[in-house]
Amino acid sequence: MLEMRTRCKKCDKAFTDESNDTMICSHECTFCQNCVENVLNAICPNCGGEFQQRPTRKK
């Protein structure tokens, strides 16, 4: 099951399960969309992978 991490690993922005601006790589490194697009140039600094929007999980 996908681990729903609660904070951006770069800027520490908080996420909820319903957040739609959360991005993950294939290793589930989790960043906010702003950091991915404007700081990381869409490349994960931990594994070199690309990002996709994390699915939401409704309660």
N, C-alpha and C. Protein backbone atom coordinates (compact mmCIF):
# COMPACT_ATOMS: atom_id res chain seq x y z
N MET A 1 0.84 -1.17 0.00
CA MET A 1 0.00 0.00 0.00
C MET A 1 0.89 1.24 0.00
N LEU A 2 0.46 2.26 -0.71
CA LEU A 2 1.19 3.52 -0.82
C LEU A 2 1.23 4.22 0.54
N GLU A 3 2.44 4.60 0.97
CA GLU A 3 2.57 5.35 2.22
C GLU A 3 2.23 6.82 1.95
N MET A 4 1.26 7.33 2.67
CA MET A 4 0.81 8.71 2.47
C MET A 4 1.61 9.62 3.41
N ARG A 5 2.78 10.02 2.98
CA ARG A 5 3.62 10.88 3.82
C ARG A 5 2.95 12.24 3.98
N THR A 6 3.21 12.88 5.08
CA THR A 6 2.43 14.06 5.46
C THR A 6 3.14 15.39 5.26
N ARG A 7 4.41 15.38 4.81
CA ARG A 7 5.15 16.63 4.66
C ARG A 7 6.08 16.57 3.44
N CYS A 8 6.27 17.74 2.81
CA CYS A 8 7.22 17.87 1.70
C CYS A 8 8.63 17.71 2.26
N LYS A 9 9.45 16.88 1.59
CA LYS A 9 10.82 16.63 2.06
C LYS A 9 11.74 17.83 1.82
N LYS A 10 11.29 18.82 1.06
CA LYS A 10 12.13 19.99 0.77
C LYS A 10 11.74 21.18 1.65
N CYS A 11 10.47 21.58 1.62
CA CYS A 11 10.04 22.80 2.31
C CYS A 11 9.21 22.54 3.56
N ASP A 12 8.90 21.28 3.84
CA ASP A 12 8.15 20.87 5.02
C ASP A 12 6.67 21.27 4.98
N LYS A 13 6.14 21.56 3.80
CA LYS A 13 4.72 21.86 3.67
C LYS A 13 3.90 20.65 4.10
N ALA A 14 2.83 20.88 4.83
CA ALA A 14 1.97 19.80 5.31
C ALA A 14 1.01 19.34 4.22
N PHE A 15 0.77 18.03 4.16
CA PHE A 15 -0.19 17.43 3.23
C PHE A 15 -1.27 16.69 4.01
N THR A 16 -2.43 16.60 3.42
CA THR A 16 -3.47 15.72 3.93
C THR A 16 -3.63 14.59 2.92
N ASP A 17 -4.41 13.58 3.26
CA ASP A 17 -4.67 12.49 2.31
C ASP A 17 -5.39 12.99 1.06
N GLU A 18 -6.08 14.12 1.19
CA GLU A 18 -6.84 14.68 0.07
C GLU A 18 -6.06 15.71 -0.74
N SER A 19 -4.83 16.05 -0.34
CA SER A 19 -4.04 17.07 -1.04
C SER A 19 -3.86 16.68 -2.50
N ASN A 20 -4.06 17.66 -3.39
CA ASN A 20 -3.91 17.37 -4.82
C ASN A 20 -2.66 18.03 -5.41
N ASP A 21 -1.79 18.57 -4.56
CA ASP A 21 -0.53 19.15 -5.04
C ASP A 21 0.68 18.40 -4.51
N THR A 22 0.48 17.11 -4.22
CA THR A 22 1.53 16.26 -3.69
C THR A 22 2.11 15.41 -4.82
N MET A 23 3.42 15.40 -4.94
CA MET A 23 4.10 14.67 -6.00
C MET A 23 4.98 13.58 -5.39
N ILE A 24 5.05 12.42 -6.06
CA ILE A 24 5.89 11.32 -5.59
C ILE A 24 6.70 10.73 -6.75
N CYS A 25 7.82 10.10 -6.40
CA CYS A 25 8.60 9.35 -7.38
C CYS A 25 8.29 7.87 -7.17
N SER A 26 8.94 7.01 -7.90
CA SER A 26 8.65 5.57 -7.80
C SER A 26 9.08 4.97 -6.46
N HIS A 27 9.94 5.68 -5.73
CA HIS A 27 10.36 5.23 -4.40
C HIS A 27 9.55 5.91 -3.30
N GLU A 28 8.50 6.63 -3.67
CA GLU A 28 7.60 7.34 -2.76
C GLU A 28 8.26 8.52 -2.06
N CYS A 29 9.36 9.05 -2.61
CA CYS A 29 9.88 10.32 -2.12
C CYS A 29 8.79 11.35 -2.38
N THR A 30 8.46 12.16 -1.40
CA THR A 30 7.28 13.01 -1.48
C THR A 30 7.65 14.48 -1.36
N PHE A 31 7.19 15.27 -2.34
CA PHE A 31 7.46 16.70 -2.39
C PHE A 31 6.20 17.43 -2.84
N CYS A 32 6.13 18.73 -2.52
CA CYS A 32 4.99 19.52 -3.01
C CYS A 32 5.22 19.87 -4.48
N GLN A 33 4.16 20.18 -5.17
CA GLN A 33 4.25 20.49 -6.59
C GLN A 33 5.13 21.71 -6.84
N ASN A 34 5.08 22.71 -5.97
CA ASN A 34 5.90 23.90 -6.13
C ASN A 34 7.39 23.54 -6.08
N CYS A 35 7.82 22.75 -5.12
CA CYS A 35 9.23 22.36 -5.04
C CYS A 35 9.64 21.53 -6.25
N VAL A 36 8.80 20.61 -6.68
CA VAL A 36 9.11 19.77 -7.84
C VAL A 36 9.33 20.63 -9.08
N GLU A 37 8.43 21.58 -9.32
CA GLU A 37 8.49 22.37 -10.55
C GLU A 37 9.52 23.49 -10.49
N ASN A 38 9.68 24.14 -9.34
CA ASN A 38 10.49 25.36 -9.28
C ASN A 38 11.85 25.20 -8.62
N VAL A 39 12.07 24.11 -7.90
CA VAL A 39 13.35 23.92 -7.21
C VAL A 39 14.08 22.68 -7.72
N LEU A 40 13.35 21.60 -7.89
CA LEU A 40 13.97 20.31 -8.22
C LEU A 40 14.02 20.01 -9.72
N ASN A 41 13.42 20.86 -10.54
CA ASN A 41 13.41 20.65 -11.99
C ASN A 41 12.85 19.29 -12.37
N ALA A 42 11.86 18.83 -11.60
CA ALA A 42 11.12 17.59 -11.87
C ALA A 42 11.96 16.31 -11.78
N ILE A 43 13.11 16.37 -11.10
CA ILE A 43 13.96 15.20 -10.90
C ILE A 43 14.14 14.99 -9.40
N CYS A 44 13.87 13.78 -8.93
CA CYS A 44 14.00 13.48 -7.51
C CYS A 44 15.47 13.56 -7.08
N PRO A 45 15.79 14.37 -6.06
CA PRO A 45 17.18 14.48 -5.63
C PRO A 45 17.67 13.24 -4.88
N ASN A 46 16.77 12.39 -4.45
CA ASN A 46 17.15 11.19 -3.70
C ASN A 46 17.45 10.00 -4.60
N CYS A 47 16.66 9.83 -5.66
CA CYS A 47 16.82 8.63 -6.49
C CYS A 47 16.98 8.93 -7.98
N GLY A 48 16.83 10.21 -8.39
CA GLY A 48 16.97 10.57 -9.79
C GLY A 48 15.75 10.28 -10.64
N GLY A 49 14.67 9.82 -10.00
CA GLY A 49 13.46 9.47 -10.73
C GLY A 49 12.59 10.67 -11.08
N GLU A 50 11.59 10.41 -11.91
CA GLU A 50 10.64 11.45 -12.27
C GLU A 50 9.47 11.44 -11.29
N PHE A 51 8.69 12.48 -11.30
CA PHE A 51 7.56 12.62 -10.38
C PHE A 51 6.23 12.45 -11.09
N GLN A 52 5.26 11.98 -10.32
CA GLN A 52 3.87 11.89 -10.73
C GLN A 52 3.03 12.45 -9.58
N GLN A 53 1.83 12.90 -9.92
CA GLN A 53 0.94 13.38 -8.87
C GLN A 53 0.51 12.19 -8.01
N ARG A 54 0.59 12.37 -6.70
CA ARG A 54 0.18 11.31 -5.78
C ARG A 54 -1.34 11.22 -5.79
N PRO A 55 -1.89 10.02 -5.85
CA PRO A 55 -3.34 9.89 -5.78
C PRO A 55 -3.85 10.32 -4.41
N THR A 56 -5.08 10.79 -4.39
CA THR A 56 -5.69 11.18 -3.12
C THR A 56 -6.34 9.96 -2.48
N ARG A 57 -6.56 10.06 -1.20
CA ARG A 57 -7.22 8.99 -0.47
C ARG A 57 -8.33 9.63 0.34
N LYS A 58 -9.55 9.36 -0.05
CA LYS A 58 -10.71 9.91 0.66
C LYS A 58 -10.93 9.15 1.95
N LYS A 59 -11.34 9.88 2.98
CA LYS A 59 -11.60 9.24 4.27
C LYS A 59 -12.97 8.62 4.30
